[in-house]
Amino acid sequence: MNATVSILTEIPEELHESLKSYLESHPTWDQDRVFTAALSLFLLQNGNGDRRAARVYLESLFHHCG
């Protein structure tokens, strides 16, 4: 069984403003990296212990540009 996941969502204005502020002060991060880190951490904490989520989370944290 292949599941397709497509993400298009609205976020509360408060989160949008916080994200904008964070990205302005952390130039090595971008929106995709933040969402990847957040989603993988959520799955790591609430999922079935899949090590792939842990790997993605750690890669998103320690990814350095340039």
PDB file of N, CA and C in Angstrom:
ATOM      1  N   MET A   1       0.837  -1.181   0.000  1.00  0.00           N
ATOM      2  CA  MET A   1       0.000   0.000   0.000  1.00  0.00           C
ATOM      3  C   MET A   1       0.880   1.241   0.000  1.00  0.00           C
ATOM      4  N   ASN A   2       0.697   2.096  -0.968  1.00  0.00           N
ATOM      5  CA  ASN A   2       1.431   3.353  -1.054  1.00  0.00           C
ATOM      6  C   ASN A   2       0.516   4.492  -0.647  1.00  0.00           C
ATOM      7  N   ALA A   3       0.919   5.213   0.375  1.00  0.00           N
ATOM      8  CA  ALA A   3       0.142   6.367   0.827  1.00  0.00           C
ATOM      9  C   ALA A   3       0.770   7.628   0.261  1.00  0.00           C
ATOM     10  N   THR A   4      -0.058   8.510  -0.231  1.00  0.00           N
ATOM     11  CA  THR A   4       0.414   9.795  -0.721  1.00  0.00           C
ATOM     12  C   THR A   4       0.058  10.859   0.305  1.00  0.00           C
ATOM     13  N   VAL A   5       1.046  11.664   0.649  1.00  0.00           N
ATOM     14  CA  VAL A   5       0.829  12.748   1.599  1.00  0.00           C
ATOM     15  C   VAL A   5       1.172  14.048   0.898  1.00  0.00           C
ATOM     16  N   SER A   6       0.242  14.963   0.927  1.00  0.00           N
ATOM     17  CA  SER A   6       0.456  16.281   0.355  1.00  0.00           C
ATOM     18  C   SER A   6       0.122  17.303   1.431  1.00  0.00           C
ATOM     19  N   ILE A   7       1.015  18.252   1.641  1.00  0.00           N
ATOM     20  CA  ILE A   7       0.804  19.213   2.717  1.00  0.00           C
ATOM     21  C   ILE A   7       0.620  20.610   2.141  1.00  0.00           C
ATOM     22  N   LEU A   8      -0.531  21.126   2.396  1.00  0.00           N
ATOM     23  CA  LEU A   8      -0.840  22.527   2.096  1.00  0.00           C
ATOM     24  C   LEU A   8      -1.737  22.959   3.250  1.00  0.00           C
ATOM     25  N   THR A   9      -1.226  23.809   4.095  1.00  0.00           N
ATOM     26  CA  THR A   9      -1.973  24.144   5.298  1.00  0.00           C
ATOM     27  C   THR A   9      -1.804  25.606   5.663  1.00  0.00           C
ATOM     28  N   GLU A  10      -2.772  26.099   6.365  1.00  0.00           N
ATOM     29  CA  GLU A  10      -2.668  27.435   6.936  1.00  0.00           C
ATOM     30  C   GLU A  10      -2.221  27.272   8.381  1.00  0.00           C
ATOM     31  N   ILE A  11      -1.410  28.208   8.832  1.00  0.00           N
ATOM     32  CA  ILE A  11      -0.983  28.181  10.229  1.00  0.00           C
ATOM     33  C   ILE A  11      -1.485  29.450  10.905  1.00  0.00           C
ATOM     34  N   PRO A  12      -1.656  29.395  12.215  1.00  0.00           N
ATOM     35  CA  PRO A  12      -2.104  30.593  12.929  1.00  0.00           C
ATOM     36  C   PRO A  12      -1.127  31.754  12.725  1.00  0.00           C
ATOM     37  N   GLU A  13      -1.670  32.951  12.718  1.00  0.00           N
ATOM     38  CA  GLU A  13      -0.872  34.158  12.502  1.00  0.00           C
ATOM     39  C   GLU A  13       0.292  34.251  13.488  1.00  0.00           C
ATOM     40  N   GLU A  14       0.058  33.853  14.735  1.00  0.00           N
ATOM     41  CA  GLU A  14       1.119  33.913  15.746  1.00  0.00           C
ATOM     42  C   GLU A  14       2.298  33.026  15.360  1.00  0.00           C
ATOM     43  N   LEU A  15       2.010  31.815  14.844  1.00  0.00           N
ATOM     44  CA  LEU A  15       3.093  30.928  14.403  1.00  0.00           C
ATOM     45  C   LEU A  15       3.789  31.498  13.179  1.00  0.00           C
ATOM     46  N   HIS A  16       3.025  32.086  12.279  1.00  0.00           N
ATOM     47  CA  HIS A  16       3.608  32.691  11.084  1.00  0.00           C
ATOM     48  C   HIS A  16       4.585  33.800  11.463  1.00  0.00           C
ATOM     49  N   GLU A  17       4.177  34.659  12.370  1.00  0.00           N
ATOM     50  CA  GLU A  17       5.051  35.749  12.803  1.00  0.00           C
ATOM     51  C   GLU A  17       6.291  35.212  13.523  1.00  0.00           C
ATOM     52  N   SER A  18       6.108  34.202  14.356  1.00  0.00           N
ATOM     53  CA  SER A  18       7.250  33.591  15.054  1.00  0.00           C
ATOM     54  C   SER A  18       8.212  32.952  14.065  1.00  0.00           C
ATOM     55  N   LEU A  19       7.666  32.254  13.082  1.00  0.00           N
ATOM     56  CA  LEU A  19       8.502  31.615  12.069  1.00  0.00           C
ATOM     57  C   LEU A  19       9.266  32.661  11.270  1.00  0.00           C
ATOM     58  N   LYS A  20       8.582  33.728  10.855  1.00  0.00           N
ATOM     59  CA  LYS A  20       9.244  34.804  10.116  1.00  0.00           C
ATOM     60  C   LYS A  20      10.395  35.397  10.920  1.00  0.00           C
ATOM     61  N   SER A  21      10.139  35.659  12.181  1.00  0.00           N
ATOM     62  CA  SER A  21      11.168  36.221  13.056  1.00  0.00           C
ATOM     63  C   SER A  21      12.349  35.267  13.214  1.00  0.00           C
ATOM     64  N   TYR A  22      12.043  33.991  13.399  1.00  0.00           N
ATOM     65  CA  TYR A  22      13.106  32.992  13.560  1.00  0.00           C
ATOM     66  C   TYR A  22      13.972  32.925  12.303  1.00  0.00           C
ATOM     67  N   LEU A  23      13.327  32.864  11.137  1.00  0.00           N
ATOM     68  CA  LEU A  23      14.070  32.741   9.890  1.00  0.00           C
ATOM     69  C   LEU A  23      14.913  33.984   9.603  1.00  0.00           C
ATOM     70  N   GLU A  24      14.422  35.152  10.006  1.00  0.00           N
ATOM     71  CA  GLU A  24      15.194  36.379   9.815  1.00  0.00           C
ATOM     72  C   GLU A  24      16.459  36.386  10.667  1.00  0.00           C
ATOM     73  N   SER A  25      16.410  35.767  11.835  1.00  0.00           N
ATOM     74  CA  SER A  25      17.575  35.778  12.722  1.00  0.00           C
ATOM     75  C   SER A  25      18.435  34.511  12.609  1.00  0.00           C
ATOM     76  N   HIS A  26      18.017  33.549  11.796  1.00  0.00           N
ATOM     77  CA  HIS A  26      18.784  32.319  11.594  1.00  0.00           C
ATOM     78  C   HIS A  26      18.901  32.057  10.086  1.00  0.00           C
ATOM     79  N   PRO A  27      19.847  32.702   9.436  1.00  0.00           N
ATOM     80  CA  PRO A  27      19.936  32.631   7.973  1.00  0.00           C
ATOM     81  C   PRO A  27      20.263  31.243   7.411  1.00  0.00           C
ATOM     82  N   THR A  28      20.771  30.337   8.221  1.00  0.00           N
ATOM     83  CA  THR A  28      21.070  28.987   7.714  1.00  0.00           C
ATOM     84  C   THR A  28      19.835  28.098   7.686  1.00  0.00           C
ATOM     85  N   TRP A  29      18.732  28.579   8.257  1.00  0.00           N
ATOM     86  CA  TRP A  29      17.478  27.828   8.242  1.00  0.00           C
ATOM     87  C   TRP A  29      16.552  28.406   7.193  1.00  0.00           C
ATOM     88  N   ASP A  30      15.691  27.547   6.621  1.00  0.00           N
ATOM     89  CA  ASP A  30      14.635  28.006   5.737  1.00  0.00           C
ATOM     90  C   ASP A  30      13.329  27.325   6.159  1.00  0.00           C
ATOM     91  N   GLN A  31      12.252  27.729   5.546  1.00  0.00           N
ATOM     92  CA  GLN A  31      10.930  27.216   5.922  1.00  0.00           C
ATOM     93  C   GLN A  31      10.864  25.698   5.811  1.00  0.00           C
ATOM     94  N   ASP A  32      11.422  25.130   4.756  1.00  0.00           N
ATOM     95  CA  ASP A  32      11.376  23.687   4.575  1.00  0.00           C
ATOM     96  C   ASP A  32      12.128  22.960   5.683  1.00  0.00           C
ATOM     97  N   ARG A  33      13.279  23.493   6.068  1.00  0.00           N
ATOM     98  CA  ARG A  33      14.070  22.867   7.124  1.00  0.00           C
ATOM     99  C   ARG A  33      13.326  22.911   8.465  1.00  0.00           C
ATOM    100  N   VAL A  34      12.682  24.037   8.755  1.00  0.00           N
ATOM    101  CA  VAL A  34      11.913  24.166   9.997  1.00  0.00           C
ATOM    102  C   VAL A  34      10.762  23.163  10.026  1.00  0.00           C
ATOM    103  N   PHE A  35      10.014  23.073   8.926  1.00  0.00           N
ATOM    104  CA  PHE A  35       8.885  22.148   8.892  1.00  0.00           C
ATOM    105  C   PHE A  35       9.352  20.694   8.957  1.00  0.00           C
ATOM    106  N   THR A  36      10.459  20.381   8.303  1.00  0.00           N
ATOM    107  CA  THR A  36      11.007  19.024   8.373  1.00  0.00           C
ATOM    108  C   THR A  36      11.402  18.676   9.798  1.00  0.00           C
ATOM    109  N   ALA A  37      12.081  19.600  10.471  1.00  0.00           N
ATOM    110  CA  ALA A  37      12.483  19.361  11.861  1.00  0.00           C
ATOM    111  C   ALA A  37      11.269  19.195  12.763  1.00  0.00           C
ATOM    112  N   ALA A  38      10.279  20.063  12.587  1.00  0.00           N
ATOM    113  CA  ALA A  38       9.092  20.012  13.445  1.00  0.00           C
ATOM    114  C   ALA A  38       8.291  18.730  13.227  1.00  0.00           C
ATOM    115  N   LEU A  39       8.076  18.358  11.978  1.00  0.00           N
ATOM    116  CA  LEU A  39       7.290  17.173  11.683  1.00  0.00           C
ATOM    117  C   LEU A  39       8.016  15.900  12.104  1.00  0.00           C
ATOM    118  N   SER A  40       9.311  15.830  11.848  1.00  0.00           N
ATOM    119  CA  SER A  40      10.057  14.633  12.248  1.00  0.00           C
ATOM    120  C   SER A  40      10.127  14.510  13.769  1.00  0.00           C
ATOM    121  N   LEU A  41      10.257  15.626  14.490  1.00  0.00           N
ATOM    122  CA  LEU A  41      10.248  15.562  15.953  1.00  0.00           C
ATOM    123  C   LEU A  41       8.891  15.090  16.463  1.00  0.00           C
ATOM    124  N   PHE A  42       7.808  15.608  15.877  1.00  0.00           N
ATOM    125  CA  PHE A  42       6.471  15.164  16.268  1.00  0.00           C
ATOM    126  C   PHE A  42       6.327  13.659  16.058  1.00  0.00           C
ATOM    127  N   LEU A  43       6.734  13.166  14.896  1.00  0.00           N
ATOM    128  CA  LEU A  43       6.614  11.733  14.619  1.00  0.00           C
ATOM    129  C   LEU A  43       7.520  10.912  15.525  1.00  0.00           C
ATOM    130  N   LEU A  44       8.681  11.421  15.833  1.00  0.00           N
ATOM    131  CA  LEU A  44       9.593  10.744  16.744  1.00  0.00           C
ATOM    132  C   LEU A  44       8.977  10.610  18.129  1.00  0.00           C
ATOM    133  N   GLN A  45       8.344  11.660  18.610  1.00  0.00           N
ATOM    134  CA  GLN A  45       7.747  11.667  19.941  1.00  0.00           C
ATOM    135  C   GLN A  45       6.422  10.917  20.003  1.00  0.00           C
ATOM    136  N   ASN A  46       5.672  10.906  18.905  1.00  0.00           N
ATOM    137  CA  ASN A  46       4.315  10.359  18.935  1.00  0.00           C
ATOM    138  C   ASN A  46       4.093   9.170  18.013  1.00  0.00           C
ATOM    139  N   GLY A  47       5.113   8.799  17.281  1.00  0.00           N
ATOM    140  CA  GLY A  47       4.960   7.715  16.314  1.00  0.00           C
ATOM    141  C   GLY A  47       5.270   6.362  16.915  1.00  0.00           C
ATOM    142  N   ASN A  48       5.626   5.455  16.043  1.00  0.00           N
ATOM    143  CA  ASN A  48       5.869   4.084  16.464  1.00  0.00           C
ATOM    144  C   ASN A  48       7.350   3.775  16.664  1.00  0.00           C
ATOM    145  N   GLY A  49       8.158   4.775  16.859  1.00  0.00           N
ATOM    146  CA  GLY A  49       9.577   4.565  17.102  1.00  0.00           C
ATOM    147  C   GLY A  49      10.382   4.322  15.838  1.00  0.00           C
ATOM    148  N   ASP A  50       9.869   4.748  14.701  1.00  0.00           N
ATOM    149  CA  ASP A  50      10.552   4.570  13.425  1.00  0.00           C
ATOM    150  C   ASP A  50      11.867   5.352  13.439  1.00  0.00           C
ATOM    151  N   ARG A  51      12.962   4.667  13.233  1.00  0.00           N
ATOM    152  CA  ARG A  51      14.281   5.310  13.273  1.00  0.00           C
ATOM    153  C   ARG A  51      14.487   6.292  12.124  1.00  0.00           C
ATOM    154  N   ARG A  52      13.699   6.160  11.065  1.00  0.00           N
ATOM    155  CA  ARG A  52      13.834   7.089   9.936  1.00  0.00           C
ATOM    156  C   ARG A  52      13.468   8.500  10.367  1.00  0.00           C
ATOM    157  N   ALA A  53      12.452   8.634  11.230  1.00  0.00           N
ATOM    158  CA  ALA A  53      12.070   9.960  11.730  1.00  0.00           C
ATOM    159  C   ALA A  53      13.207  10.556  12.555  1.00  0.00           C
ATOM    160  N   ALA A  54      13.864   9.725  13.354  1.00  0.00           N
ATOM    161  CA  ALA A  54      14.992  10.195  14.165  1.00  0.00           C
ATOM    162  C   ALA A  54      16.137  10.663  13.267  1.00  0.00           C
ATOM    163  N   ARG A  55      16.415   9.903  12.220  1.00  0.00           N
ATOM    164  CA  ARG A  55      17.494  10.270  11.303  1.00  0.00           C
ATOM    165  C   ARG A  55      17.190  11.599  10.606  1.00  0.00           C
ATOM    166  N   VAL A  56      15.965  11.762  10.127  1.00  0.00           N
ATOM    167  CA  VAL A  56      15.580  13.001   9.447  1.00  0.00           C
ATOM    168  C   VAL A  56      15.654  14.181  10.413  1.00  0.00           C
ATOM    169  N   TYR A  57      15.193  13.968  11.644  1.00  0.00           N
ATOM    170  CA  TYR A  57      15.235  15.037  12.643  1.00  0.00           C
ATOM    171  C   TYR A  57      16.679  15.484  12.892  1.00  0.00           C
ATOM    172  N   LEU A  58      17.558  14.533  13.142  1.00  0.00           N
ATOM    173  CA  LEU A  58      18.957  14.881  13.421  1.00  0.00           C
ATOM    174  C   LEU A  58      19.626  15.524  12.213  1.00  0.00           C
ATOM    175  N   GLU A  59      19.330  15.029  11.025  1.00  0.00           N
ATOM    176  CA  GLU A  59      19.894  15.650   9.826  1.00  0.00           C
ATOM    177  C   GLU A  59      19.417  17.089   9.664  1.00  0.00           C
ATOM    178  N   SER A  60      18.152  17.341   9.989  1.00  0.00           N
ATOM    179  CA  SER A  60      17.644  18.708   9.853  1.00  0.00           C
ATOM    180  C   SER A  60      18.283  19.641  10.880  1.00  0.00           C
ATOM    181  N   LEU A  61      18.569  19.131  12.060  1.00  0.00           N
ATOM    182  CA  LEU A  61      19.210  19.966  13.083  1.00  0.00           C
ATOM    183  C   LEU A  61      20.641  20.298  12.759  1.00  0.00           C
ATOM    184  N   PHE A  62      21.369  19.318  12.240  1.00  0.00           N
ATOM    185  CA  PHE A  62      22.814  19.496  12.056  1.00  0.00           C
ATOM    186  C   PHE A  62      23.214  19.809  10.633  1.00  0.00           C
ATOM    187  N   HIS A  63      22.245  20.078   9.781  1.00  0.00           N
ATOM    188  CA  HIS A  63      22.513  20.481   8.409  1.00  0.00           C
ATOM    189  C   HIS A  63      23.117  21.881   8.415  1.00  0.00           C
ATOM    190  N   HIS A  64      24.247  22.016   7.771  1.00  0.00           N
ATOM    191  CA  HIS A  64      24.870  23.354   7.685  1.00  0.00           C
ATOM    192  C   HIS A  64      25.049  23.716   6.233  1.00  0.00           C
ATOM    193  N   CYS A  65      24.625  24.874   5.873  1.00  0.00           N
ATOM    194  CA  CYS A  65      24.770  25.359   4.499  1.00  0.00           C
ATOM    195  C   CYS A  65      26.145  25.984   4.319  1.00  0.00           C
ATOM    196  N   GLY A  66      26.684  25.787   3.141  1.00  0.00           N
ATOM    197  CA  GLY A  66      27.878  26.473   2.719  1.00  0.00           C
ATOM    198  C   GLY A  66      29.099  26.123   3.443  1.00  0.00           C
TER     199      GLY A  66
END
